[in-house]
Amino acid sequence: MNLKHQTIDSQHSIPSDGVILVNKDSGIRTTALLNRVKKILHLKKAGHAGTLDPFAEGLVVVLYGNATKVMEYIGDFKEYICTVRLGIITDTDDPDGNIIKQTAVPDFPKEKLEEVLPKFRGKIKQKVPLYSAIKKDGERLYKKAREGIEIKDLPIRDVYIKKLKLLDFSPPFFVMRCIANRGTYMRALARDIGNSLGYGAHLSKLTRVKVDPYDITDALKLSDIEEGKLKVIKLRDALPHLSAITLDEEGVWNFVHGGKVRGFYPEGLYQVKNHLGNLIGIGKGETYAVQPVKVLYST
């Protein structure tokens, strides 16, 4: 998807609302990356469209200003390149955890793995990792785990794996490309595939290459931003995956005050803009009208 970037020197003023794509390095927490970007660019309000574990690398979508209000409309699906290590199980399901079991992995045929993968495509049940931010009994699981509290029944969630393709096979490692909906844990996917093969596994490397509709090829490293380089997607251009509706002044006033936009609009979400092309809100199609669901500016 062709995105409209504004390339600027971060020493100069930047748009008041926008999106910045950052290619995170392994070893830094997403919150630390966000705080660093906020400090460099003097941003008062900013957030991100999905955490990456410290060991992981890849695309982090930073939104600031009023762009934070459209965060929920970004990243319905995310794409990853996953390297899985069979035969070693860790308590975190990643390389940063403690090894709790090791199993010898024979040089088995690739067909054995390809026979297992179909059961992990489409709608599946996924048990969340022990070390995760999901809450149980009012407390996040990773806090319970660090405190040594025994957790008998980990939450199970419905997730959707849109695409799962084997890219490389070199036992005890294999590499796969996965496109999944938000909330899907790649660590849990690696763990469960390893268990299905009978060897156990953990996710040894993870690269996020896409957060729908954004791609890592448009991202900058944190070091680039520290050096004064910057590419900003203006709020008006931040949702290219949603069809746009343009309203005149009267239509804008009506929309921001809760009025419907009349016309033929199939079901789905729409970005609503004023005559200058500025994004004023999000609407939901109801066949013969669009109902406001998010208003960014009031009049």
Protein backbone atom coordinates (compact mmCIF):
# COMPACT_ATOMS: atom_id res chain seq x y z
CA MET A 1 0.00 0.00 0.00
CA ASN A 2 1.39 3.39 -1.01
CA LEU A 3 1.73 5.56 2.09
CA LYS A 4 2.18 9.32 2.07
CA HIS A 5 5.19 10.19 4.21
CA GLN A 6 6.49 13.61 5.09
CA THR A 7 10.28 13.42 5.40
CA ILE A 8 11.51 16.13 7.74
CA ASP A 9 14.39 17.13 9.97
CA SER A 10 13.30 16.31 13.52
CA GLN A 11 14.99 19.50 14.72
CA HIS A 12 12.20 21.44 13.01
CA SER A 13 8.49 21.41 13.83
CA ILE A 14 6.55 18.28 12.98
CA PRO A 15 2.83 17.85 12.26
CA SER A 16 0.73 18.13 15.43
CA ASP A 17 -0.80 14.68 14.87
CA GLY A 18 0.72 11.73 13.06
CA VAL A 19 2.20 8.26 12.81
CA ILE A 20 5.88 7.28 12.98
CA LEU A 21 7.05 3.81 11.95
CA VAL A 22 10.01 2.51 13.95
CA ASN A 23 12.05 -0.63 13.30
CA LYS A 24 12.80 -1.85 16.83
CA ASP A 25 16.08 -3.61 17.58
CA SER A 26 16.23 -6.72 19.75
CA GLY A 27 17.06 -5.99 23.39
CA ILE A 28 14.97 -2.88 23.97
CA ARG A 29 11.48 -2.80 25.47
CA THR A 30 8.70 -1.24 23.44
CA THR A 31 7.88 1.20 26.24
CA ALA A 32 11.52 2.32 26.39
CA LEU A 33 11.53 2.87 22.63
CA LEU A 34 8.31 4.88 22.85
CA ASN A 35 9.65 7.02 25.69
CA ARG A 36 12.84 7.70 23.74
CA VAL A 37 10.88 8.83 20.67
CA LYS A 38 8.69 11.06 22.86
CA LYS A 39 11.75 12.66 24.42
CA ILE A 40 13.57 13.26 21.13
CA LEU A 41 10.53 14.79 19.43
CA HIS A 42 9.09 16.49 22.54
CA LEU A 43 5.77 14.66 22.22
CA LYS A 44 3.28 15.17 25.04
CA LYS A 45 0.83 12.45 24.04
CA ALA A 46 1.92 9.28 22.24
CA GLY A 47 1.23 5.55 22.21
CA HIS A 48 1.93 2.48 20.12
CA ALA A 49 -0.21 -0.03 18.24
CA GLY A 50 1.15 -3.20 19.81
CA THR A 51 4.00 -4.33 22.04
CA LEU A 52 6.95 -6.42 20.91
CA ASP A 53 8.78 -8.56 23.48
CA PRO A 54 12.31 -7.36 24.34
CA PHE A 55 13.96 -10.20 22.37
CA ALA A 56 11.86 -9.43 19.27
CA GLU A 57 12.62 -6.92 16.55
CA GLY A 58 10.65 -5.22 13.84
CA LEU A 59 7.84 -2.79 13.24
CA VAL A 60 6.44 -0.65 16.06
CA VAL A 61 3.76 1.87 15.08
CA VAL A 62 4.01 5.05 17.15
CA LEU A 63 1.00 7.38 17.12
CA TYR A 64 1.01 10.85 18.64
CA GLY A 65 -1.40 13.71 19.19
CA ASN A 66 -4.92 13.04 17.95
CA ALA A 67 -3.61 10.05 15.98
CA THR A 68 -3.74 8.11 19.27
CA LYS A 69 -7.52 8.22 18.93
CA VAL A 70 -7.44 5.98 15.84
CA MET A 71 -5.12 3.36 17.35
CA GLU A 72 -7.90 0.76 17.52
CA TYR A 73 -8.33 0.91 13.72
CA ILE A 74 -4.71 -0.08 13.08
CA GLY A 75 -3.21 -3.56 13.27
CA ASP A 76 -6.20 -5.86 12.94
CA PHE A 77 -3.69 -8.25 11.37
CA LYS A 78 0.06 -8.42 11.92
CA GLU A 79 2.72 -10.31 9.99
CA TYR A 80 5.75 -12.01 11.51
CA ILE A 81 8.82 -14.01 10.55
CA CYS A 82 9.29 -16.61 13.29
CA THR A 83 12.32 -18.78 13.98
CA VAL A 84 11.42 -21.76 16.16
CA ARG A 85 13.87 -23.90 18.11
CA LEU A 86 12.58 -27.43 18.62
CA GLY A 87 13.61 -29.55 21.60
CA ILE A 88 14.11 -26.75 24.14
CA ILE A 89 11.21 -25.56 26.30
CA THR A 90 11.57 -22.37 28.35
CA ASP A 91 9.26 -20.94 31.00
CA THR A 92 8.68 -17.83 28.86
CA ASP A 93 8.45 -19.66 25.50
CA ASP A 94 11.26 -17.43 24.22
CA PRO A 95 15.09 -17.32 24.45
CA ASP A 96 15.06 -15.01 27.50
CA GLY A 97 13.48 -17.60 29.79
CA ASN A 98 14.84 -20.44 31.90
CA ILE A 99 15.17 -23.83 30.21
CA ILE A 100 12.76 -26.26 31.85
CA LYS A 101 13.09 -29.23 29.49
CA GLN A 102 15.37 -30.41 26.69
CA THR A 103 14.65 -33.16 24.16
CA ALA A 104 16.89 -34.53 21.43
CA VAL A 105 15.53 -33.68 17.99
CA PRO A 106 16.26 -36.19 15.21
CA ASP A 107 16.81 -35.20 11.59
CA PHE A 108 13.17 -35.80 10.63
CA PRO A 109 11.63 -35.09 7.19
CA LYS A 110 10.08 -31.70 6.42
CA GLU A 111 6.82 -33.44 5.51
CA LYS A 112 6.26 -34.27 9.19
CA LEU A 113 6.19 -30.58 10.05
CA GLU A 114 4.05 -29.67 7.04
CA GLU A 115 1.48 -32.26 8.14
CA VAL A 116 1.16 -30.49 11.51
CA LEU A 117 0.89 -26.88 10.31
CA PRO A 118 -2.67 -27.04 8.84
CA LYS A 119 -4.18 -27.54 12.31
CA PHE A 120 -2.80 -24.10 13.25
CA ARG A 121 -4.40 -22.23 10.36
CA GLY A 122 -7.73 -20.46 10.57
CA LYS A 123 -9.67 -20.11 13.81
CA ILE A 124 -7.90 -21.89 16.67
CA LYS A 125 -7.84 -21.96 20.47
CA GLN A 126 -4.64 -20.63 22.00
CA LYS A 127 -3.50 -20.88 25.60
CA VAL A 128 -1.75 -17.63 26.49
CA PRO A 129 1.89 -17.80 27.69
CA LEU A 130 2.55 -17.86 31.41
CA TYR A 131 4.64 -14.71 31.06
CA SER A 132 2.11 -12.39 29.43
CA ALA A 133 0.23 -9.20 30.25
CA ILE A 134 -3.13 -10.98 30.27
CA LYS A 135 -4.93 -10.60 33.60
CA LYS A 136 -6.19 -13.47 35.74
CA ASP A 137 -8.02 -12.77 39.01
CA GLY A 138 -7.25 -9.08 38.55
CA GLU A 139 -3.47 -9.42 38.24
CA ARG A 140 -1.24 -9.75 35.19
CA LEU A 141 0.07 -13.26 34.62
CA TYR A 142 3.73 -12.28 34.40
CA LYS A 143 3.54 -10.68 37.85
CA LYS A 144 2.06 -13.85 39.32
CA ALA A 145 4.77 -15.91 37.62
CA ARG A 146 7.57 -13.70 38.95
CA GLU A 147 6.12 -13.96 42.45
CA GLY A 148 6.16 -17.75 42.18
CA ILE A 149 2.37 -18.05 42.36
CA GLU A 150 1.16 -21.31 40.83
CA ILE A 151 -1.29 -20.80 37.99
CA LYS A 152 -3.25 -23.94 37.18
CA ASP A 153 -5.52 -22.80 34.37
CA LEU A 154 -4.03 -20.35 31.89
CA PRO A 155 -6.63 -18.40 29.89
CA ILE A 156 -7.53 -19.80 26.47
CA ARG A 157 -8.47 -17.39 23.72
CA ASP A 158 -9.87 -17.61 20.20
CA VAL A 159 -7.36 -16.39 17.62
CA TYR A 160 -7.23 -16.39 13.85
CA ILE A 161 -4.19 -17.42 11.81
CA LYS A 162 -4.75 -15.98 8.34
CA LYS A 163 -1.55 -17.38 6.84
CA LEU A 164 1.12 -19.81 8.04
CA LYS A 165 3.88 -20.75 5.63
CA LEU A 166 7.08 -22.70 6.17
CA LEU A 167 10.07 -20.73 4.84
CA ASP A 168 13.05 -22.79 5.98
CA PHE A 169 13.58 -26.18 7.62
CA SER A 170 16.89 -27.12 9.28
CA PRO A 171 16.21 -29.26 12.38
CA PRO A 172 16.20 -28.37 15.21
CA PHE A 173 15.22 -24.99 13.72
CA PHE A 174 12.54 -23.93 11.28
CA VAL A 175 11.38 -20.54 10.03
CA MET A 176 7.78 -19.62 9.23
CA ARG A 177 5.83 -16.59 8.06
CA CYS A 178 2.64 -15.94 9.99
CA ILE A 179 -0.18 -13.45 9.51
CA ALA A 180 -2.49 -13.38 12.53
CA ASN A 181 -5.09 -11.17 14.15
CA ARG A 182 -4.31 -8.88 17.06
CA GLY A 183 -3.84 -10.68 20.37
CA THR A 184 -2.24 -13.79 18.86
CA TYR A 185 0.96 -14.86 20.63
CA MET A 186 3.73 -16.10 18.33
CA ARG A 187 5.46 -17.58 21.40
CA ALA A 188 2.40 -19.70 22.10
CA LEU A 189 2.15 -20.72 18.44
CA ALA A 190 5.78 -21.92 18.44
CA ARG A 191 5.22 -23.76 21.72
CA ASP A 192 2.10 -25.53 20.46
CA ILE A 193 3.64 -26.57 17.13
CA GLY A 194 6.60 -28.01 19.02
CA ASN A 195 4.29 -29.93 21.33
CA SER A 196 2.34 -31.31 18.36
CA LEU A 197 5.60 -32.66 16.94
CA GLY A 198 6.43 -34.22 20.31
CA TYR A 199 9.66 -32.26 20.90
CA GLY A 200 8.51 -29.07 22.57
CA ALA A 201 9.83 -25.72 21.33
CA HIS A 202 10.36 -22.06 21.98
CA LEU A 203 10.39 -19.00 19.74
CA SER A 204 14.08 -18.18 19.30
CA LYS A 205 13.73 -15.15 17.02
CA LEU A 206 10.82 -12.92 16.02
CA THR A 207 10.60 -10.14 13.46
CA ARG A 208 7.38 -8.20 12.94
CA VAL A 209 7.27 -7.07 9.33
CA LYS A 210 3.76 -5.64 9.09
CA VAL A 211 1.11 -4.01 11.26
CA ASP A 212 -1.81 -3.63 8.90
CA PRO A 213 -1.72 -1.33 6.91
CA TYR A 214 1.93 -0.45 7.62
CA ASP A 215 5.08 -2.25 6.43
CA ILE A 216 8.56 -2.42 7.94
CA THR A 217 10.08 -1.21 4.66
CA ASP A 218 8.74 2.27 5.50
CA ALA A 219 10.19 2.28 9.04
CA LEU A 220 13.25 4.01 10.47
CA LYS A 221 15.60 2.73 13.14
CA LEU A 222 15.61 4.52 16.50
CA SER A 223 19.20 5.51 15.74
CA ASP A 224 17.97 7.29 12.57
CA ILE A 225 15.53 9.35 14.62
CA GLU A 226 18.25 10.12 17.16
CA GLU A 227 20.35 11.46 14.27
CA GLY A 228 17.57 13.82 13.20
CA LYS A 229 16.02 11.76 10.41
CA LEU A 230 12.26 11.38 10.49
CA LYS A 231 9.35 10.25 8.32
CA VAL A 232 5.87 11.18 9.50
CA ILE A 233 2.53 9.98 8.19
CA LYS A 234 0.04 12.79 8.75
CA LEU A 235 -3.22 11.89 10.48
CA ARG A 236 -5.14 12.66 7.27
CA ASP A 237 -3.14 9.88 5.53
CA ALA A 238 -2.97 7.42 8.44
CA LEU A 239 -5.82 5.09 7.46
CA PRO A 240 -5.35 4.23 3.77
CA HIS A 241 -7.09 0.87 4.27
CA LEU A 242 -10.44 2.58 5.01
CA SER A 243 -12.62 4.09 2.30
CA ALA A 244 -13.00 7.85 2.65
CA ILE A 245 -16.09 10.06 2.76
CA THR A 246 -15.66 13.80 2.21
CA LEU A 247 -18.21 16.18 3.73
CA ASP A 248 -18.97 19.87 3.24
CA GLU A 249 -19.09 22.25 6.22
CA GLU A 250 -22.72 21.47 7.02
CA GLY A 251 -22.05 17.73 6.80
CA VAL A 252 -19.04 18.05 9.10
CA TRP A 253 -21.07 19.93 11.72
CA ASN A 254 -23.79 17.29 11.54
CA PHE A 255 -21.30 14.40 11.83
CA VAL A 256 -19.33 15.74 14.81
CA HIS A 257 -22.62 16.31 16.63
CA GLY A 258 -23.72 12.71 16.17
CA GLY A 259 -25.70 12.98 12.95
CA LYS A 260 -25.66 10.24 10.33
CA VAL A 261 -24.30 10.67 6.82
CA ARG A 262 -27.08 9.71 4.41
CA GLY A 263 -26.37 7.72 1.26
CA PHE A 264 -25.54 4.19 0.16
CA TYR A 265 -22.67 2.92 2.31
CA PRO A 266 -22.13 -0.87 2.60
CA GLU A 267 -21.30 -2.24 6.03
CA GLY A 268 -17.79 -1.49 7.22
CA LEU A 269 -15.72 1.35 8.61
CA TYR A 270 -15.13 4.65 6.82
CA GLN A 271 -12.75 7.52 7.42
CA VAL A 272 -14.67 10.79 7.34
CA LYS A 273 -12.90 13.94 6.12
CA ASN A 274 -13.72 17.60 5.64
CA HIS A 275 -13.42 19.47 2.33
CA LEU A 276 -9.72 20.13 3.06
CA GLY A 277 -9.01 16.41 3.34
CA ASN A 278 -8.45 16.45 7.09
CA LEU A 279 -9.65 13.43 9.05
CA ILE A 280 -12.48 14.36 11.41
CA GLY A 281 -13.68 10.94 12.50
CA ILE A 282 -14.61 7.32 11.83
CA GLY A 283 -18.03 6.14 10.74
CA LYS A 284 -19.72 2.76 10.45
CA GLY A 285 -21.65 1.87 7.31
CA GLU A 286 -25.29 0.86 7.80
CA THR A 287 -26.19 0.35 4.11
CA TYR A 288 -28.13 3.61 3.72
CA ALA A 289 -26.18 5.76 6.17
CA VAL A 290 -22.92 6.11 8.06
CA GLN A 291 -23.13 6.34 11.85
CA PRO A 292 -20.38 8.25 13.71
CA VAL A 293 -18.36 5.93 15.97
CA LYS A 294 -15.34 8.17 16.64
CA VAL A 295 -15.07 11.96 16.44
CA LEU A 296 -11.56 13.43 16.51
CA TYR A 297 -12.41 17.12 16.55
CA SER A 298 -15.34 19.08 17.94
CA THR A 299 -16.75 22.30 16.53
